[in-house]
Amino acid sequence: MVVVLPVAILFAVFKWVFDLVIGLIQPLTGALTATSDFHGFLANIIALFITLFLCFFIGIVVRTGFGRVVHGFIDTKLLSIAPGYNMIKEVIVQMFGGKKVPLSRVALVEIFGSDTLTTAFITDENPDGTFTVYIPQSPSPLTGNIYHLKSRYVHPVNTSVEEAMKTIISFGAGSSKLIASRKK
């Protein structure tokens, strides 16, 4: 199970993403099959390439002066009034737009002014010198708390986010590497 289950889950995720994409381009695939001899898998692949080319073309147009003006108008005047658009846009920009990834730096922090340390992720450095950190709960790192701490309570460590996540998911097992990597 330990060997087979991760592979099965990976294939299930790939299949889900593939089915999602095929479902989204289905109108284009239907048009291709109705107007040409392309059918099935080949029509899906061609529709996918047409969609990718269209996205690439729109990206090039938006980089021009005229494209920036049109995109700005559509973005601020039309789409921003749609409920949830700004939140979805911010998530997409955060993921793909080159902004600093929120969980990119690991630290050990003192949250209540004691010498007790907890694993945290630095999500922001504030203008006043304080840090905003996210402290995930074990074993589910998707739940946790956000704290704003003075810099003296935040101790960055030389470890990867993946290593820190492993210690969180495994109830702290392997934390000796995390503590040893603390910057002095």
N, C-alpha and C. Protein backbone atom coordinates (compact mmCIF):
# COMPACT_ATOMS: atom_id res chain seq x y z
N MET A 1 0.82 -1.20 0.00
CA MET A 1 0.00 0.00 0.00
C MET A 1 0.86 1.26 0.00
N VAL A 2 1.96 1.24 0.72
CA VAL A 2 2.81 2.43 0.80
C VAL A 2 3.43 2.75 -0.55
N VAL A 3 3.68 1.75 -1.36
CA VAL A 3 4.27 1.96 -2.68
C VAL A 3 3.19 2.27 -3.72
N VAL A 4 2.11 1.53 -3.69
CA VAL A 4 1.09 1.64 -4.73
C VAL A 4 0.17 2.84 -4.53
N LEU A 5 -0.22 3.12 -3.30
CA LEU A 5 -1.20 4.17 -3.05
C LEU A 5 -0.76 5.56 -3.52
N PRO A 6 0.47 6.01 -3.26
CA PRO A 6 0.87 7.33 -3.78
C PRO A 6 0.83 7.41 -5.31
N VAL A 7 1.23 6.32 -5.97
CA VAL A 7 1.19 6.31 -7.43
C VAL A 7 -0.26 6.35 -7.92
N ALA A 8 -1.13 5.59 -7.28
CA ALA A 8 -2.54 5.58 -7.66
C ALA A 8 -3.17 6.95 -7.45
N ILE A 9 -2.85 7.60 -6.35
CA ILE A 9 -3.39 8.94 -6.09
C ILE A 9 -2.86 9.94 -7.12
N LEU A 10 -1.58 9.84 -7.48
CA LEU A 10 -1.00 10.72 -8.48
C LEU A 10 -1.72 10.55 -9.82
N PHE A 11 -1.95 9.30 -10.24
CA PHE A 11 -2.66 9.06 -11.49
C PHE A 11 -4.10 9.56 -11.41
N ALA A 12 -4.74 9.41 -10.26
CA ALA A 12 -6.11 9.90 -10.09
C ALA A 12 -6.16 11.42 -10.22
N VAL A 13 -5.18 12.11 -9.64
CA VAL A 13 -5.14 13.58 -9.74
C VAL A 13 -4.90 13.99 -11.19
N PHE A 14 -3.96 13.32 -11.88
CA PHE A 14 -3.71 13.63 -13.29
C PHE A 14 -4.96 13.40 -14.14
N LYS A 15 -5.66 12.31 -13.88
CA LYS A 15 -6.88 12.01 -14.64
C LYS A 15 -7.94 13.06 -14.37
N TRP A 16 -8.07 13.48 -13.10
CA TRP A 16 -9.05 14.51 -12.76
C TRP A 16 -8.74 15.81 -13.49
N VAL A 17 -7.47 16.22 -13.49
CA VAL A 17 -7.08 17.46 -14.18
C VAL A 17 -7.31 17.32 -15.68
N PHE A 18 -6.94 16.17 -16.25
CA PHE A 18 -7.14 15.93 -17.69
C PHE A 18 -8.63 16.01 -18.03
N ASP A 19 -9.48 15.34 -17.25
CA ASP A 19 -10.93 15.37 -17.50
C ASP A 19 -11.49 16.78 -17.35
N LEU A 20 -10.97 17.53 -16.38
CA LEU A 20 -11.41 18.91 -16.19
C LEU A 20 -11.08 19.76 -17.41
N VAL A 21 -9.85 19.65 -17.89
CA VAL A 21 -9.42 20.43 -19.05
C VAL A 21 -10.22 20.01 -20.29
N ILE A 22 -10.38 18.73 -20.49
CA ILE A 22 -11.15 18.23 -21.65
C ILE A 22 -12.59 18.73 -21.57
N GLY A 23 -13.16 18.76 -20.37
CA GLY A 23 -14.52 19.28 -20.21
C GLY A 23 -14.61 20.77 -20.56
N LEU A 24 -13.58 21.52 -20.18
CA LEU A 24 -13.59 22.96 -20.46
C LEU A 24 -13.44 23.28 -21.95
N ILE A 25 -12.69 22.44 -22.67
CA ILE A 25 -12.49 22.70 -24.09
C ILE A 25 -13.47 21.92 -24.96
N GLN A 26 -14.45 21.27 -24.34
CA GLN A 26 -15.41 20.46 -25.07
C GLN A 26 -16.15 21.23 -26.17
N PRO A 27 -16.56 22.48 -25.95
CA PRO A 27 -17.22 23.20 -27.06
C PRO A 27 -16.32 23.33 -28.30
N LEU A 28 -15.05 23.60 -28.09
CA LEU A 28 -14.12 23.70 -29.21
C LEU A 28 -13.91 22.34 -29.85
N THR A 29 -13.80 21.30 -29.05
CA THR A 29 -13.65 19.94 -29.57
C THR A 29 -14.88 19.56 -30.39
N GLY A 30 -16.07 19.91 -29.91
CA GLY A 30 -17.30 19.61 -30.65
C GLY A 30 -17.33 20.32 -31.99
N ALA A 31 -16.88 21.56 -32.01
CA ALA A 31 -16.83 22.30 -33.27
C ALA A 31 -15.83 21.67 -34.24
N LEU A 32 -14.71 21.21 -33.72
CA LEU A 32 -13.72 20.55 -34.58
C LEU A 32 -14.25 19.25 -35.17
N THR A 33 -14.90 18.45 -34.36
CA THR A 33 -15.41 17.17 -34.86
C THR A 33 -16.57 17.37 -35.83
N ALA A 34 -17.34 18.45 -35.67
CA ALA A 34 -18.46 18.69 -36.57
C ALA A 34 -18.03 19.25 -37.92
N THR A 35 -16.90 19.97 -37.94
CA THR A 35 -16.48 20.64 -39.18
C THR A 35 -15.26 20.00 -39.85
N SER A 36 -14.75 18.91 -39.29
CA SER A 36 -13.55 18.29 -39.88
C SER A 36 -13.60 16.78 -39.65
N ASP A 37 -12.54 16.14 -40.08
CA ASP A 37 -12.44 14.69 -39.91
C ASP A 37 -11.76 14.30 -38.60
N PHE A 38 -11.46 15.27 -37.76
CA PHE A 38 -10.81 14.99 -36.48
C PHE A 38 -11.85 14.44 -35.50
N HIS A 39 -11.48 13.37 -34.80
CA HIS A 39 -12.40 12.76 -33.84
C HIS A 39 -11.63 12.33 -32.59
N GLY A 40 -12.34 12.28 -31.48
CA GLY A 40 -11.82 11.72 -30.23
C GLY A 40 -10.60 12.43 -29.71
N PHE A 41 -9.59 11.61 -29.41
CA PHE A 41 -8.38 12.10 -28.76
C PHE A 41 -7.67 13.17 -29.59
N LEU A 42 -7.60 12.97 -30.92
CA LEU A 42 -6.92 13.94 -31.78
C LEU A 42 -7.63 15.29 -31.74
N ALA A 43 -8.95 15.29 -31.74
CA ALA A 43 -9.71 16.55 -31.65
C ALA A 43 -9.45 17.24 -30.31
N ASN A 44 -9.36 16.47 -29.23
CA ASN A 44 -9.05 17.04 -27.92
C ASN A 44 -7.67 17.68 -27.91
N ILE A 45 -6.69 17.01 -28.48
CA ILE A 45 -5.32 17.54 -28.50
C ILE A 45 -5.26 18.82 -29.33
N ILE A 46 -5.91 18.83 -30.49
CA ILE A 46 -5.91 20.03 -31.33
C ILE A 46 -6.62 21.18 -30.61
N ALA A 47 -7.75 20.90 -29.97
CA ALA A 47 -8.47 21.93 -29.22
C ALA A 47 -7.62 22.46 -28.08
N LEU A 48 -6.87 21.58 -27.41
CA LEU A 48 -5.99 22.01 -26.33
C LEU A 48 -4.89 22.94 -26.86
N PHE A 49 -4.29 22.59 -28.00
CA PHE A 49 -3.26 23.45 -28.59
C PHE A 49 -3.84 24.79 -29.05
N ILE A 50 -5.05 24.79 -29.60
CA ILE A 50 -5.68 26.04 -30.00
C ILE A 50 -5.92 26.92 -28.77
N THR A 51 -6.39 26.31 -27.67
CA THR A 51 -6.63 27.06 -26.43
C THR A 51 -5.33 27.63 -25.88
N LEU A 52 -4.27 26.82 -25.86
CA LEU A 52 -2.98 27.32 -25.37
C LEU A 52 -2.45 28.44 -26.26
N PHE A 53 -2.59 28.31 -27.57
CA PHE A 53 -2.16 29.36 -28.48
C PHE A 53 -2.96 30.64 -28.24
N LEU A 54 -4.27 30.50 -28.03
CA LEU A 54 -5.11 31.67 -27.76
C LEU A 54 -4.68 32.37 -26.47
N CYS A 55 -4.39 31.60 -25.42
CA CYS A 55 -3.90 32.18 -24.17
C CYS A 55 -2.57 32.89 -24.37
N PHE A 56 -1.67 32.27 -25.13
CA PHE A 56 -0.37 32.87 -25.43
C PHE A 56 -0.55 34.18 -26.20
N PHE A 57 -1.43 34.16 -27.19
CA PHE A 57 -1.70 35.36 -28.01
C PHE A 57 -2.27 36.49 -27.15
N ILE A 58 -3.23 36.16 -26.29
CA ILE A 58 -3.82 37.17 -25.40
C ILE A 58 -2.74 37.74 -24.48
N GLY A 59 -1.85 36.88 -23.99
CA GLY A 59 -0.74 37.34 -23.14
C GLY A 59 0.17 38.32 -23.87
N ILE A 60 0.44 38.06 -25.14
CA ILE A 60 1.28 38.97 -25.93
C ILE A 60 0.56 40.30 -26.16
N VAL A 61 -0.73 40.24 -26.47
CA VAL A 61 -1.50 41.46 -26.72
C VAL A 61 -1.57 42.31 -25.46
N VAL A 62 -1.74 41.69 -24.30
CA VAL A 62 -1.85 42.44 -23.04
C VAL A 62 -0.54 43.13 -22.69
N ARG A 63 0.57 42.68 -23.24
CA ARG A 63 1.86 43.32 -22.96
C ARG A 63 2.06 44.60 -23.77
N THR A 64 1.23 44.83 -24.79
CA THR A 64 1.33 46.06 -25.57
C THR A 64 0.63 47.19 -24.81
N GLY A 65 0.91 48.42 -25.19
CA GLY A 65 0.28 49.57 -24.55
C GLY A 65 -1.24 49.53 -24.67
N PHE A 66 -1.72 49.28 -25.89
CA PHE A 66 -3.16 49.20 -26.11
C PHE A 66 -3.77 48.05 -25.31
N GLY A 67 -3.10 46.92 -25.29
CA GLY A 67 -3.59 45.76 -24.55
C GLY A 67 -3.68 46.02 -23.06
N ARG A 68 -2.68 46.74 -22.51
CA ARG A 68 -2.71 47.08 -21.08
C ARG A 68 -3.89 47.97 -20.75
N VAL A 69 -4.18 48.94 -21.64
CA VAL A 69 -5.31 49.84 -21.42
C VAL A 69 -6.62 49.07 -21.45
N VAL A 70 -6.79 48.22 -22.46
CA VAL A 70 -8.01 47.43 -22.59
C VAL A 70 -8.15 46.48 -21.40
N HIS A 71 -7.07 45.80 -21.06
CA HIS A 71 -7.11 44.86 -19.92
C HIS A 71 -7.43 45.61 -18.62
N GLY A 72 -6.82 46.76 -18.42
CA GLY A 72 -7.09 47.54 -17.22
C GLY A 72 -8.54 47.96 -17.13
N PHE A 73 -9.10 48.38 -18.27
CA PHE A 73 -10.51 48.78 -18.29
C PHE A 73 -11.41 47.59 -17.97
N ILE A 74 -11.18 46.49 -18.64
CA ILE A 74 -12.01 45.30 -18.41
C ILE A 74 -11.87 44.82 -16.98
N ASP A 75 -10.64 44.84 -16.48
CA ASP A 75 -10.37 44.33 -15.13
C ASP A 75 -10.99 45.21 -14.05
N THR A 76 -10.82 46.52 -14.17
CA THR A 76 -11.28 47.41 -13.10
C THR A 76 -12.74 47.84 -13.24
N LYS A 77 -13.22 47.98 -14.44
CA LYS A 77 -14.58 48.50 -14.63
C LYS A 77 -15.63 47.40 -14.78
N LEU A 78 -15.27 46.29 -15.38
CA LEU A 78 -16.27 45.27 -15.66
C LEU A 78 -16.18 44.07 -14.71
N LEU A 79 -15.01 43.45 -14.66
CA LEU A 79 -14.88 42.21 -13.91
C LEU A 79 -14.83 42.40 -12.40
N SER A 80 -14.30 43.52 -11.95
CA SER A 80 -14.14 43.71 -10.50
C SER A 80 -15.48 43.85 -9.78
N ILE A 81 -16.55 44.12 -10.50
CA ILE A 81 -17.86 44.19 -9.86
C ILE A 81 -18.51 42.81 -9.72
N ALA A 82 -17.94 41.81 -10.38
CA ALA A 82 -18.47 40.45 -10.27
C ALA A 82 -18.10 39.89 -8.89
N PRO A 83 -19.06 39.30 -8.20
CA PRO A 83 -18.78 38.77 -6.85
C PRO A 83 -17.69 37.68 -6.89
N GLY A 84 -16.69 37.85 -6.07
CA GLY A 84 -15.63 36.85 -5.96
C GLY A 84 -14.50 36.99 -6.96
N TYR A 85 -14.65 37.86 -7.96
CA TYR A 85 -13.61 37.98 -8.98
C TYR A 85 -12.27 38.42 -8.38
N ASN A 86 -12.29 39.45 -7.54
CA ASN A 86 -11.03 39.95 -6.97
C ASN A 86 -10.34 38.89 -6.13
N MET A 87 -11.09 38.08 -5.39
CA MET A 87 -10.49 37.03 -4.58
C MET A 87 -9.86 35.97 -5.49
N ILE A 88 -10.58 35.55 -6.52
CA ILE A 88 -10.04 34.54 -7.44
C ILE A 88 -8.81 35.08 -8.15
N LYS A 89 -8.87 36.34 -8.57
CA LYS A 89 -7.73 36.94 -9.25
C LYS A 89 -6.50 36.97 -8.34
N GLU A 90 -6.70 37.35 -7.08
CA GLU A 90 -5.57 37.41 -6.15
C GLU A 90 -4.94 36.04 -5.92
N VAL A 91 -5.76 35.01 -5.84
CA VAL A 91 -5.24 33.65 -5.67
C VAL A 91 -4.43 33.24 -6.90
N ILE A 92 -4.95 33.53 -8.09
CA ILE A 92 -4.24 33.18 -9.33
C ILE A 92 -2.93 33.95 -9.43
N VAL A 93 -2.96 35.24 -9.13
CA VAL A 93 -1.74 36.06 -9.18
C VAL A 93 -0.73 35.54 -8.16
N GLN A 94 -1.22 35.16 -6.98
CA GLN A 94 -0.33 34.63 -5.95
C GLN A 94 0.34 33.35 -6.42
N MET A 95 -0.41 32.50 -7.10
CA MET A 95 0.12 31.21 -7.53
C MET A 95 1.02 31.32 -8.75
N PHE A 96 0.62 32.13 -9.74
CA PHE A 96 1.33 32.13 -11.02
C PHE A 96 1.93 33.46 -11.41
N GLY A 97 1.66 34.53 -10.67
CA GLY A 97 2.04 35.86 -11.11
C GLY A 97 3.40 36.34 -10.69
N GLY A 98 4.20 35.50 -10.08
CA GLY A 98 5.53 35.91 -9.72
C GLY A 98 5.64 36.63 -8.38
N LYS A 99 4.52 36.74 -7.66
CA LYS A 99 4.62 37.33 -6.34
C LYS A 99 5.32 36.36 -5.40
N LYS A 100 5.80 36.90 -4.31
CA LYS A 100 6.47 36.08 -3.32
C LYS A 100 5.48 35.05 -2.77
N VAL A 101 5.90 33.79 -2.76
CA VAL A 101 5.04 32.72 -2.27
C VAL A 101 4.91 32.85 -0.75
N PRO A 102 3.68 32.79 -0.21
CA PRO A 102 3.49 33.06 1.21
C PRO A 102 4.22 32.10 2.15
N LEU A 103 4.31 30.84 1.82
CA LEU A 103 4.96 29.88 2.71
C LEU A 103 6.35 29.52 2.19
N SER A 104 7.15 30.50 1.89
CA SER A 104 8.45 30.23 1.29
C SER A 104 9.60 30.23 2.30
N ARG A 105 9.37 30.75 3.51
CA ARG A 105 10.44 30.82 4.51
C ARG A 105 9.97 30.19 5.81
N VAL A 106 10.84 29.37 6.38
CA VAL A 106 10.53 28.66 7.62
C VAL A 106 11.22 29.36 8.78
N ALA A 107 10.57 29.36 9.94
CA ALA A 107 11.15 29.96 11.13
C ALA A 107 10.69 29.19 12.37
N LEU A 108 11.45 29.33 13.41
CA LEU A 108 11.02 28.91 14.74
C LEU A 108 10.65 30.20 15.47
N VAL A 109 9.48 30.23 16.07
CA VAL A 109 9.01 31.46 16.69
C VAL A 109 8.61 31.25 18.14
N GLU A 110 8.75 32.32 18.91
CA GLU A 110 8.29 32.35 20.30
C GLU A 110 7.00 33.16 20.29
N ILE A 111 5.86 32.49 20.49
CA ILE A 111 4.61 33.21 20.32
C ILE A 111 4.09 33.88 21.60
N PHE A 112 4.50 33.42 22.76
CA PHE A 112 3.97 34.01 23.98
C PHE A 112 5.05 34.57 24.89
N GLY A 113 6.18 34.96 24.28
CA GLY A 113 7.24 35.58 25.05
C GLY A 113 8.02 34.62 25.93
N SER A 114 7.80 33.32 25.77
CA SER A 114 8.57 32.35 26.55
C SER A 114 9.65 31.77 25.64
N ASP A 115 10.43 30.87 26.18
CA ASP A 115 11.48 30.23 25.39
C ASP A 115 10.94 29.07 24.57
N THR A 116 9.64 28.84 24.60
CA THR A 116 9.03 27.75 23.83
C THR A 116 9.01 28.13 22.36
N LEU A 117 9.51 27.23 21.50
CA LEU A 117 9.57 27.48 20.06
C LEU A 117 8.51 26.65 19.34
N THR A 118 7.97 27.21 18.28
CA THR A 118 7.05 26.48 17.43
C THR A 118 7.43 26.73 15.97
N THR A 119 7.14 25.75 15.14
CA THR A 119 7.45 25.87 13.71
C THR A 119 6.45 26.81 13.06
N ALA A 120 6.95 27.72 12.24
CA ALA A 120 6.09 28.69 11.57
C ALA A 120 6.62 28.98 10.18
N PHE A 121 5.78 29.63 9.39
CA PHE A 121 6.16 30.09 8.07
C PHE A 121 6.01 31.60 8.03
N ILE A 122 7.08 32.28 7.62
CA ILE A 122 7.03 33.74 7.51
C ILE A 122 6.23 34.07 6.25
N THR A 123 5.14 34.79 6.42
CA THR A 123 4.31 35.14 5.27
C THR A 123 4.51 36.59 4.84
N ASP A 124 5.04 37.43 5.75
CA ASP A 124 5.26 38.82 5.37
C ASP A 124 6.21 39.49 6.35
N GLU A 125 7.01 40.41 5.82
CA GLU A 125 7.82 41.29 6.66
C GLU A 125 7.17 42.66 6.58
N ASN A 126 6.78 43.20 7.71
CA ASN A 126 6.02 44.44 7.75
C ASN A 126 6.94 45.66 7.83
N PRO A 127 6.45 46.82 7.39
CA PRO A 127 7.29 48.04 7.39
C PRO A 127 7.81 48.43 8.77
N ASP A 128 7.09 48.06 9.84
CA ASP A 128 7.54 48.43 11.18
C ASP A 128 8.57 47.46 11.76
N GLY A 129 9.02 46.48 10.94
CA GLY A 129 10.04 45.54 11.40
C GLY A 129 9.47 44.26 11.99
N THR A 130 8.16 44.17 12.10
CA THR A 130 7.55 42.95 12.62
C THR A 130 7.36 41.94 11.49
N PHE A 131 7.08 40.71 11.88
CA PHE A 131 6.83 39.65 10.92
C PHE A 131 5.41 39.14 11.08
N THR A 132 4.81 38.75 9.98
CA THR A 132 3.55 38.02 10.02
C THR A 132 3.91 36.57 9.75
N VAL A 133 3.47 35.68 10.64
CA VAL A 133 3.80 34.26 10.50
C VAL A 133 2.52 33.44 10.55
N TYR A 134 2.58 32.32 9.87
CA TYR A 134 1.49 31.35 9.91
C TYR A 134 2.00 30.12 10.65
N ILE A 135 1.26 29.72 11.69
CA ILE A 135 1.64 28.54 12.46
C ILE A 135 0.61 27.46 12.20
N PRO A 136 0.98 26.45 11.41
CA PRO A 136 0.03 25.39 11.09
C PRO A 136 -0.17 24.44 12.26
N GLN A 137 -1.32 23.79 12.29
CA GLN A 137 -1.59 22.79 13.31
C GLN A 137 -1.16 21.43 12.79
N SER A 138 -0.74 20.59 13.69
CA SER A 138 -0.33 19.23 13.33
C SER A 138 -1.50 18.30 13.58
N PRO A 139 -1.75 17.35 12.73
CA PRO A 139 -1.05 16.96 11.50
C PRO A 139 -1.63 17.60 10.25
N SER A 140 -2.56 18.52 10.38
CA SER A 140 -3.22 19.14 9.22
C SER A 140 -2.72 20.56 9.04
N PRO A 141 -1.73 20.79 8.16
CA PRO A 141 -1.15 22.12 8.02
C PRO A 141 -2.07 23.14 7.36
N LEU A 142 -3.23 22.71 6.88
CA LEU A 142 -4.15 23.67 6.26
C LEU A 142 -4.93 24.47 7.29
N THR A 143 -4.87 24.05 8.54
CA THR A 143 -5.48 24.84 9.61
C THR A 143 -4.37 25.36 10.50
N GLY A 144 -4.57 26.52 11.05
CA GLY A 144 -3.54 27.10 11.91
C GLY A 144 -3.92 28.50 12.31
N ASN A 145 -2.93 29.25 12.77
CA ASN A 145 -3.15 30.61 13.25
C ASN A 145 -2.13 31.56 12.65
N ILE A 146 -2.54 32.81 12.56
CA ILE A 146 -1.67 33.87 12.04
C ILE A 146 -1.29 34.77 13.21
N TYR A 147 0.01 35.07 13.32
CA TYR A 147 0.49 35.95 14.38
C TYR A 147 1.35 37.05 13.77
N HIS A 148 1.35 38.20 14.42
CA HIS A 148 2.21 39.32 14.04
C HIS A 148 3.18 39.50 15.19
N LEU A 149 4.45 39.20 14.93
CA LEU A 149 5.44 39.16 16.00
C LEU A 149 6.59 40.13 15.76
N LYS A 150 7.15 40.61 16.86
CA LYS A 150 8.36 41.42 16.77
C LYS A 150 9.48 40.52 16.29
N SER A 151 10.44 41.13 15.62
CA SER A 151 11.52 40.36 15.00
C SER A 151 12.33 39.54 15.99
N ARG A 152 12.43 39.99 17.23
CA ARG A 152 13.23 39.24 18.21
C ARG A 152 12.60 37.88 18.55
N TYR A 153 11.32 37.69 18.23
CA TYR A 153 10.66 36.43 18.51
C TYR A 153 10.62 35.49 17.29
N VAL A 154 11.18 35.92 16.19
CA VAL A 154 11.17 35.14 14.95
C VAL A 154 12.60 34.72 14.62
N HIS A 155 12.83 33.42 14.53
CA HIS A 155 14.17 32.87 14.28
C HIS A 155 14.15 32.05 12.99
N PRO A 156 14.54 32.67 11.86
CA PRO A 156 14.55 31.93 10.59
C PRO A 156 15.49 30.73 10.67
N VAL A 157 15.13 29.68 9.95
CA VAL A 157 15.94 28.46 9.92
C VAL A 157 16.33 28.15 8.48
N ASN A 158 17.44 27.45 8.33
CA ASN A 158 17.92 27.04 7.02
C ASN A 158 17.37 25.66 6.68
N THR A 159 16.10 25.59 6.37
CA THR A 159 15.48 24.33 5.97
C THR A 159 14.40 24.63 4.95
N SER A 160 14.05 23.63 4.18
CA SER A 160 13.04 23.83 3.14
C SER A 160 11.64 23.76 3.72
N VAL A 161 10.70 24.31 2.99
CA VAL A 161 9.29 24.25 3.38
C VAL A 161 8.84 22.79 3.43
N GLU A 162 9.33 21.98 2.50
CA GLU A 162 8.95 20.57 2.45
C GLU A 162 9.39 19.84 3.72
N GLU A 163 10.62 20.11 4.17
CA GLU A 163 11.11 19.47 5.40
C GLU A 163 10.29 19.91 6.60
N ALA A 164 9.95 21.19 6.67
CA ALA A 164 9.14 21.68 7.78
C ALA A 164 7.75 21.05 7.75
N MET A 165 7.18 20.94 6.55
CA MET A 165 5.85 20.31 6.43
C MET A 165 5.89 18.85 6.88
N LYS A 166 6.98 18.16 6.56
CA LYS A 166 7.11 16.76 7.00
C LYS A 166 7.07 16.66 8.51
N THR A 167 7.73 17.58 9.20
CA THR A 167 7.71 17.52 10.66
C THR A 167 6.33 17.85 11.21
N ILE A 168 5.61 18.72 10.55
CA ILE A 168 4.26 19.08 11.01
C ILE A 168 3.31 17.90 10.81
N ILE A 169 3.37 17.30 9.64
CA ILE A 169 2.47 16.18 9.33
C ILE A 169 2.78 14.97 10.20
N SER A 170 4.03 14.81 10.57
CA SER A 170 4.43 13.63 11.36
C SER A 170 4.49 13.93 12.86
N PHE A 171 3.69 14.89 13.32
CA PHE A 171 3.58 15.22 14.75
C PHE A 171 4.91 15.63 15.38
N GLY A 172 5.78 16.27 14.60
CA GLY A 172 7.04 16.76 15.13
C GLY A 172 8.23 15.85 14.93
N ALA A 173 8.00 14.62 14.43
CA ALA A 173 9.13 13.71 14.20
C ALA A 173 10.06 14.33 13.16
N GLY A 174 11.34 14.30 13.43
CA GLY A 174 12.33 14.88 12.53
C GLY A 174 12.63 16.34 12.81
N SER A 175 12.13 16.88 13.89
CA SER A 175 12.34 18.30 14.21
C SER A 175 13.77 18.60 14.62
N SER A 176 14.56 17.59 14.93
CA SER A 176 15.94 17.86 15.33
C SER A 176 16.71 18.55 14.22
N LYS A 177 16.45 18.18 12.95
CA LYS A 177 17.10 18.86 11.81
C LYS A 177 16.66 20.33 11.75
N LEU A 178 15.38 20.55 11.99
CA LEU A 178 14.84 21.91 11.96
C LEU A 178 15.48 22.78 13.02
N ILE A 179 15.58 22.26 14.23
CA ILE A 179 16.18 23.01 15.34
C ILE A 179 17.67 23.22 15.12
N ALA A 180 18.34 22.21 14.58
CA ALA A 180 19.78 22.34 14.31
C ALA A 180 20.08 23.36 13.23
N SER A 181 19.11 23.58 12.33
CA SER A 181 19.35 24.52 11.22
C SER A 181 19.03 25.97 11.59
N ARG A 182 18.68 26.21 12.83
CA ARG A 182 18.34 27.58 13.27
C ARG A 182 19.52 28.50 13.07
N LYS A 183 19.27 29.66 12.46
CA LYS A 183 20.33 30.66 12.24
C LYS A 183 20.68 31.30 13.56
N LYS A 184 21.95 31.41 13.82
CA LYS A 184 22.41 32.03 15.09
C LYS A 184 22.65 33.49 14.89
